[in-house]
Every structure is written in C-alpha cells, then in structure tokens.
Amino acid sequence: MARITYRQIEAFRAVMISGTTSGAADILCVSQPAVSRLLADFESAVAVKMFERLKKRLIPTPEAHVFYAEVERSFVSLETLARAADDLRECHIGSLRVASMPALSVDFIPSVIQRFSQLHAGVSFSFQVRSTQQVADLVASQQYDVGVVSAIPIMDSAIEVDALAESRLVCILPANHRLVDKDEIVPQDLEGESFISLGTEQGLHHKIDSVFDSAGVYRKLLMDTQLSYSACAMVLAGAGVSLVEPITALHYQKLGLVVKRFSPCITYRYNLIFPAHKARSDLTKSFVKLLRHELDLLSRTSEGLFEKLN
C-alpha cells in the first residue's frame, strides 16, 4: 500500500469540512485540480472508497465518516501541541524554581514573582528561603534554577555566579530616635548607642567594626543577629540601631523604621547563582531580566537609599 501523506490528509479533512473540492481549495489556498489530485491519491493509498461522486458533488461514505473522526482526534492533538509550543515560546507554561537568602525574601523577591506570574500566566513556581550556603547547595545539585545570595565566596565548580547588584549599607533607627532629622549618619553620630550587630561569622560584621574602630567610636555591643530582617525588627522595636543591607531596610521603612544614608560607604553585593552544567531556560532568563529591571526601578525610587554602585 502506498504511503499516506500529511497533505493528502489535509485535503480529505478540508473536503469533509466544506463538502466540495472548491471549498477545500479555498481552505487550503490551492487550486481545485490540486485538491482533486490529492483526494484521488489518498483514496488510492488507503484502498478504501471515501466518496460517492454525484453530479459533481462528493458524498462521504460511512468509511469516510469513521476515518474523519480519527483524523479530527489527531488534528486536535496537533493543535494542542502547537499551542503548547506557542506557550513555551511566550513563557506561558513550565516551572521555575527560585531560592533566595532571607534578606530579599521578605518583600522584594515575592513581589518580583507576583509580577512575573502576571506576565507569564500558567508558569508554576517553587520558592525556597535558605541561608546563602544552603541556596548554593540547592543550585549546585540542580534542584533549583536560580539562586539569589550575598556575595560570599562560593568555591564550587557546579555553580556559575553572576553579579546582580552592588549597593551600600544603610543606617536604621527607631522612629523616635534623636538622629531622625539628619540626612546622613556618620560613625561619630552613633557614639555610645546600643548597636545590633550582624552575626560574627559574616565578613560584613568585620567591615562594620573596622569603620567604627578607625573612627574611634564606642558602641554598646550587647546584641547580635544573623539576619538583616531580624536586625530591622529589633531596631523597629526600639532595641538599638544598626547597619543593614538596603533592600530589607526599605521594606521595614514601610512599617515605620527610619532609614538613613551612612558614610563612609560600606559595600554590599548581591549575586545570582545558576547550575553550571545545566542550560538556562527561557523562563529563567526572563525572570532574571525582570529581577534586574525591578532593582533598577528600586534604585530610581528609593531616594538614594538603594544606591546601585555598579
């Protein structure tokens, strides 16, 4: 038996839909003789009579109706696949797994995820909040597509690192603090203040201490915490003052925390990490693009508190 071609099936389907070869020709944008030729070749290939010819009309046989039902099921499947391909191209299906350090997980990244979901309806998300090292482990093992971390050294050949942003620490104060009217805080302003330090294992802790030691400024160091948002909450409650990364501080500013520029500049860097041995999907690339866009927007609207240095 001769092989049935896709074009012959299209001609058969078009005739069944329209009822005439001229109507089928209009559907397929070909000539009527071309449709008649395709139909003749099709019937020859299947070796089954599909139409009765009656006064230039084509009357489908019972066999034609049975075969047409199968054709329609196949065409529905093809159309479903075509729509799926369109959705993939437009990033409307699939899944994205994002892991983040706590600093950006309180407000910023959830807002980016919400915005991304509005732009790419149908995409499912998994969002995990872990320490920077735990995020690195999730990404290195390819369990997550992208991680957002602080710029601590990551020596793992299974991870690719891209710089996301570099900014500077800000000073945070309770709402009723004596320094709330100052535009910029310097170390001498915090002489004798109860100071909430970030955990001793962080390089950031040593950077901050160095600035105050160089200025000869004494602080009451009675509290420390591992997380920027914990420091913000403690300051908001009136437990002292602190220096933290700006994105978390800007979230707590909405709750009444006072956020001030601090000099000299103590840099803070945010990095993106990816599995080194896995290609980045279009979804991942789109998410990263939106993430960078939202950081640029934050930089323009934060009145200099989130100052992009790169």
Protein backbone atom coordinates (compact mmCIF):
# COMPACT_ATOMS: atom_id res chain seq x y z
CA MET A 1 0.00 0.00 0.00
CA ALA A 2 1.25 3.46 -0.89
CA ARG A 3 2.18 5.78 1.98
CA ILE A 4 -0.43 8.36 3.03
CA THR A 5 0.96 11.89 3.11
CA TYR A 6 0.05 14.66 5.55
CA ARG A 7 -1.03 16.83 2.62
CA GLN A 8 -3.49 14.15 1.45
CA ILE A 9 -5.00 14.01 4.96
CA GLU A 10 -5.35 17.80 4.91
CA ALA A 11 -7.20 17.60 1.57
CA PHE A 12 -9.51 14.85 2.87
CA ARG A 13 -10.28 16.85 6.04
CA ALA A 14 -10.92 20.04 4.07
CA VAL A 15 -13.38 18.25 1.78
CA MET A 16 -15.19 16.73 4.77
CA ILE A 17 -15.49 20.18 6.35
CA SER A 18 -16.55 22.07 3.22
CA GLY A 19 -18.39 19.37 1.29
CA THR A 20 -16.79 20.31 -2.09
CA THR A 21 -13.38 20.33 -3.70
CA SER A 22 -13.73 24.03 -4.47
CA GLY A 23 -14.45 24.74 -0.79
CA ALA A 24 -11.47 22.59 0.21
CA ALA A 25 -9.28 24.51 -2.25
CA ASP A 26 -10.26 27.76 -0.52
CA ILE A 27 -9.40 26.30 2.90
CA LEU A 28 -6.00 25.04 1.73
CA CYS A 29 -5.27 28.01 -0.55
CA VAL A 30 -4.60 25.77 -3.55
CA SER A 31 -6.34 25.12 -6.86
CA GLN A 32 -9.36 22.84 -7.19
CA PRO A 33 -7.50 20.40 -9.50
CA ALA A 34 -4.78 20.12 -6.86
CA VAL A 35 -7.36 19.09 -4.26
CA SER A 36 -8.92 16.56 -6.65
CA ARG A 37 -5.49 15.06 -7.32
CA LEU A 38 -4.65 14.83 -3.60
CA LEU A 39 -8.02 13.22 -2.90
CA ALA A 40 -7.58 10.64 -5.69
CA ASP A 41 -4.08 9.77 -4.43
CA PHE A 42 -5.41 9.49 -0.89
CA GLU A 43 -8.19 7.04 -1.83
CA SER A 44 -5.71 5.03 -3.85
CA ALA A 45 -3.29 4.90 -0.90
CA VAL A 46 -5.90 3.72 1.64
CA ALA A 47 -7.59 1.45 -0.88
CA VAL A 48 -10.97 2.36 0.58
CA LYS A 49 -13.70 4.28 -1.21
CA MET A 50 -14.22 7.50 0.74
CA PHE A 51 -16.65 9.43 -1.51
CA GLU A 52 -19.51 8.81 -3.86
CA ARG A 53 -19.41 11.21 -6.86
CA LEU A 54 -22.91 12.50 -7.62
CA LYS A 55 -23.39 15.36 -10.06
CA LYS A 56 -20.06 16.98 -9.18
CA ARG A 57 -20.76 16.57 -5.52
CA LEU A 58 -18.79 14.38 -3.10
CA ILE A 59 -20.91 12.29 -0.75
CA PRO A 60 -18.82 10.82 2.12
CA THR A 61 -19.17 7.08 2.59
CA PRO A 62 -19.67 5.57 6.07
CA GLU A 63 -15.98 4.63 5.98
CA ALA A 64 -15.12 8.28 5.36
CA HIS A 65 -17.03 9.35 8.48
CA VAL A 66 -15.22 6.74 10.59
CA PHE A 67 -11.83 7.83 9.26
CA TYR A 68 -12.71 11.53 9.65
CA ALA A 69 -13.39 11.02 13.38
CA GLU A 70 -9.85 9.63 13.74
CA VAL A 71 -8.42 12.49 11.72
CA GLU A 72 -10.14 15.07 13.93
CA ARG A 73 -8.70 13.47 17.08
CA SER A 74 -5.24 13.66 15.55
CA PHE A 75 -5.67 17.28 14.46
CA VAL A 76 -6.86 18.27 17.93
CA SER A 77 -3.69 16.71 19.35
CA LEU A 78 -1.55 18.56 16.82
CA GLU A 79 -3.28 21.85 17.64
CA THR A 80 -2.72 21.19 21.34
CA LEU A 81 0.97 20.61 20.68
CA ALA A 82 1.14 23.74 18.56
CA ARG A 83 -0.43 25.79 21.35
CA ALA A 84 2.00 24.25 23.82
CA ALA A 85 4.88 25.27 21.57
CA ASP A 86 3.47 28.81 21.38
CA ASP A 87 3.15 28.89 25.18
CA LEU A 88 6.73 27.71 25.57
CA ARG A 89 7.93 30.40 23.20
CA GLU A 90 5.97 33.06 25.11
CA CYS A 91 6.96 31.59 28.53
CA HIS A 92 3.37 30.77 29.50
CA ILE A 93 3.94 27.16 30.59
CA GLY A 94 6.62 25.39 32.56
CA SER A 95 8.02 25.73 36.04
CA LEU A 96 10.63 27.90 37.71
CA ARG A 97 12.43 27.12 40.95
CA VAL A 98 13.94 30.08 42.78
CA ALA A 99 15.93 30.00 46.02
CA SER A 100 16.93 33.09 47.96
CA MET A 101 18.78 34.18 51.05
CA PRO A 102 16.45 35.64 53.69
CA ALA A 103 17.44 39.28 53.06
CA LEU A 104 15.43 39.56 49.83
CA SER A 105 12.67 37.10 50.70
CA VAL A 106 10.60 39.30 53.00
CA ASP A 107 9.18 41.55 50.30
CA PHE A 108 11.30 42.10 47.21
CA ILE A 109 11.51 38.69 45.53
CA PRO A 110 7.88 37.74 46.36
CA SER A 111 6.86 40.98 44.63
CA VAL A 112 9.01 40.10 41.60
CA ILE A 113 7.47 36.61 41.50
CA GLN A 114 3.98 38.10 41.60
CA ARG A 115 4.83 40.49 38.77
CA PHE A 116 6.38 37.63 36.75
CA SER A 117 3.27 35.48 37.30
CA GLN A 118 1.08 38.26 35.93
CA LEU A 119 3.25 38.46 32.81
CA HIS A 120 3.57 34.68 32.37
CA ALA A 121 0.28 33.13 33.40
CA GLY A 122 0.47 29.35 33.65
CA VAL A 123 4.03 29.13 34.96
CA SER A 124 4.32 27.31 38.29
CA PHE A 125 6.78 28.46 40.97
CA SER A 126 8.74 26.93 43.79
CA PHE A 127 10.32 29.50 46.11
CA GLN A 128 12.65 28.45 48.91
CA VAL A 129 14.27 30.69 51.53
CA ARG A 130 17.56 29.41 52.91
CA SER A 131 20.95 30.63 54.05
CA THR A 132 23.36 31.58 51.27
CA GLN A 133 25.26 28.29 51.67
CA GLN A 134 22.05 26.25 51.59
CA VAL A 135 20.90 28.13 48.47
CA ALA A 136 24.26 27.30 46.88
CA ASP A 137 23.75 23.61 47.70
CA LEU A 138 20.26 23.60 46.15
CA VAL A 139 21.54 25.22 42.95
CA ALA A 140 24.69 23.08 42.71
CA SER A 141 22.56 19.92 42.88
CA GLN A 142 20.29 21.33 40.10
CA GLN A 143 17.25 21.21 42.37
CA TYR A 144 16.74 24.95 41.73
CA ASP A 145 17.15 27.01 38.56
CA VAL A 146 18.46 30.23 40.09
CA GLY A 147 19.57 31.45 43.49
CA VAL A 148 19.89 34.95 44.92
CA VAL A 149 22.64 35.23 47.52
CA SER A 150 25.02 37.61 49.21
CA ALA A 151 28.45 37.89 47.64
CA ILE A 152 30.30 35.50 49.90
CA PRO A 153 32.95 33.38 48.14
CA ILE A 154 31.44 30.23 46.61
CA MET A 155 34.08 27.74 45.54
CA ASP A 156 32.02 25.13 43.75
CA SER A 157 32.58 24.13 40.12
CA ALA A 158 28.89 23.12 39.90
CA ILE A 159 27.83 26.77 40.27
CA GLU A 160 28.04 29.76 37.95
CA VAL A 161 28.00 33.18 39.61
CA ASP A 162 26.71 36.41 38.02
CA ALA A 163 26.83 39.78 39.77
CA LEU A 164 23.31 41.11 40.41
CA ALA A 165 23.91 44.44 42.15
CA GLU A 166 26.27 46.24 44.45
CA SER A 167 24.96 48.79 46.90
CA ARG A 168 25.90 50.24 50.29
CA LEU A 169 24.74 49.61 53.83
CA VAL A 170 22.21 51.97 55.37
CA CYS A 171 21.72 53.04 58.95
CA ILE A 172 18.43 52.10 60.61
CA LEU A 173 16.90 53.91 63.58
CA PRO A 174 13.72 53.67 65.68
CA ALA A 175 11.03 56.21 64.83
CA ASN A 176 11.67 58.39 67.90
CA HIS A 177 15.48 58.44 67.67
CA ARG A 178 17.42 61.67 68.22
CA LEU A 179 19.02 61.37 64.74
CA VAL A 180 15.84 61.10 62.67
CA ASP A 181 16.27 64.62 61.26
CA LYS A 182 19.79 64.03 59.95
CA ASP A 183 20.12 63.32 56.22
CA GLU A 184 23.26 61.22 56.59
CA ILE A 185 24.70 59.31 59.52
CA VAL A 186 28.44 59.04 60.21
CA PRO A 187 30.17 56.85 62.81
CA GLN A 188 30.56 59.70 65.33
CA ASP A 189 26.77 60.12 65.40
CA LEU A 190 26.41 56.66 66.92
CA GLU A 191 28.83 57.14 69.83
CA GLY A 192 27.51 55.26 72.86
CA GLU A 193 24.49 53.82 71.02
CA SER A 194 23.20 50.31 71.61
CA PHE A 195 24.24 48.68 68.33
CA ILE A 196 22.74 45.47 66.91
CA SER A 197 25.47 43.61 65.05
CA LEU A 198 25.12 41.03 62.31
CA GLY A 199 26.47 37.58 63.16
CA THR A 200 30.18 37.26 63.88
CA GLU A 201 30.82 34.70 61.15
CA GLN A 202 29.84 37.18 58.43
CA GLY A 203 32.59 39.21 56.77
CA LEU A 204 30.19 42.13 56.90
CA HIS A 205 30.46 42.22 60.68
CA HIS A 206 34.20 42.82 60.45
CA LYS A 207 33.78 45.54 57.80
CA ILE A 208 31.39 47.43 60.06
CA ASP A 209 33.61 47.06 63.12
CA SER A 210 36.60 48.33 61.14
CA VAL A 211 34.78 51.55 60.19
CA PHE A 212 33.88 52.35 63.81
CA ASP A 213 37.28 51.31 65.15
CA SER A 214 39.02 53.57 62.62
CA ALA A 215 36.81 56.47 63.74
CA GLY A 216 37.47 55.72 67.42
CA VAL A 217 33.74 55.38 68.09
CA TYR A 218 32.49 53.29 71.01
CA ARG A 219 29.21 51.38 70.65
CA LYS A 220 27.33 49.23 73.15
CA LEU A 221 27.55 45.80 71.51
CA LEU A 222 25.05 43.84 73.56
CA MET A 223 23.02 42.20 70.75
CA ASP A 224 23.74 40.43 67.50
CA THR A 225 21.66 38.53 64.97
CA GLN A 226 22.30 36.57 61.81
CA LEU A 227 19.64 38.19 59.62
CA SER A 228 19.05 41.69 58.31
CA TYR A 229 15.29 41.46 58.81
CA SER A 230 15.79 40.40 62.44
CA ALA A 231 18.01 43.44 62.98
CA CYS A 232 15.34 45.64 61.37
CA ALA A 233 12.63 44.21 63.61
CA MET A 234 14.76 44.71 66.72
CA VAL A 235 15.52 48.33 65.80
CA LEU A 236 11.85 48.96 65.00
CA ALA A 237 11.04 47.69 68.50
CA GLY A 238 13.48 50.22 69.98
CA ALA A 239 16.29 47.84 70.94
CA GLY A 240 19.03 49.93 69.33
CA VAL A 241 20.42 50.98 65.96
CA SER A 242 22.16 49.02 63.22
CA LEU A 243 23.65 48.96 59.73
CA VAL A 244 22.00 46.57 57.26
CA GLU A 245 21.64 45.97 53.55
CA PRO A 246 19.19 48.43 51.96
CA ILE A 247 16.52 46.23 50.35
CA THR A 248 15.36 44.71 53.63
CA ALA A 249 15.59 48.13 55.30
CA LEU A 250 13.32 49.67 52.66
CA HIS A 251 10.66 47.06 53.41
CA TYR A 252 10.75 47.88 57.11
CA GLN A 253 10.65 51.59 56.30
CA LYS A 254 7.03 50.99 55.26
CA LEU A 255 6.40 49.75 58.81
CA GLY A 256 7.86 52.84 60.47
CA LEU A 257 11.59 52.13 60.57
CA VAL A 258 13.78 55.17 59.89
CA VAL A 259 16.36 54.51 57.15
CA LYS A 260 19.29 56.85 56.61
CA ARG A 261 22.27 57.01 54.28
CA PHE A 262 25.51 56.06 56.04
CA SER A 263 29.05 57.25 55.33
CA PRO A 264 31.70 56.11 54.77
CA CYS A 265 30.43 53.65 52.17
CA ILE A 266 30.36 50.01 53.24
CA THR A 267 29.56 47.97 50.12
CA TYR A 268 27.13 45.11 49.98
CA ARG A 269 26.84 42.87 46.93
CA TYR A 270 24.03 40.63 45.73
CA ASN A 271 24.80 37.72 43.39
CA LEU A 272 22.86 35.35 41.17
CA ILE A 273 23.92 31.72 41.02
CA PHE A 274 22.99 29.06 38.46
CA PRO A 275 23.71 25.35 37.94
CA ALA A 276 26.94 25.29 35.94
CA HIS A 277 26.13 22.15 33.97
CA LYS A 278 22.56 22.97 33.01
CA ALA A 279 21.44 25.35 30.26
CA ARG A 280 19.40 28.32 31.47
CA SER A 281 15.80 28.10 30.29
CA ASP A 282 13.98 31.00 28.66
CA LEU A 283 11.87 31.19 31.83
CA THR A 284 14.99 31.61 33.94
CA LYS A 285 16.35 34.29 31.61
CA SER A 286 13.03 36.15 31.66
CA PHE A 287 12.88 36.04 35.45
CA VAL A 288 16.43 37.37 35.79
CA LYS A 289 15.67 40.16 33.32
CA LEU A 290 12.63 41.19 35.37
CA LEU A 291 14.63 40.94 38.60
CA ARG A 292 17.25 43.34 37.23
CA HIS A 293 14.54 45.68 35.94
CA GLU A 294 12.86 45.81 39.36
CA LEU A 295 16.20 46.55 41.03
CA ASP A 296 16.76 49.43 38.61
CA LEU A 297 13.28 50.71 39.44
CA LEU A 298 14.00 50.44 43.17
CA SER A 299 17.22 52.37 42.68
CA ARG A 300 15.33 55.21 40.96
CA THR A 301 12.50 55.39 43.53
CA SER A 302 14.28 54.85 46.87
CA GLU A 303 15.58 58.43 47.21
CA GLY A 304 19.17 57.24 47.16
CA LEU A 305 18.80 54.62 49.91
CA PHE A 306 19.27 51.75 47.48
CA GLU A 307 22.19 53.16 45.57
CA LYS A 308 23.45 50.94 42.77
CA LEU A 309 27.21 51.17 42.64
CA ASN A 310 27.67 49.01 39.52
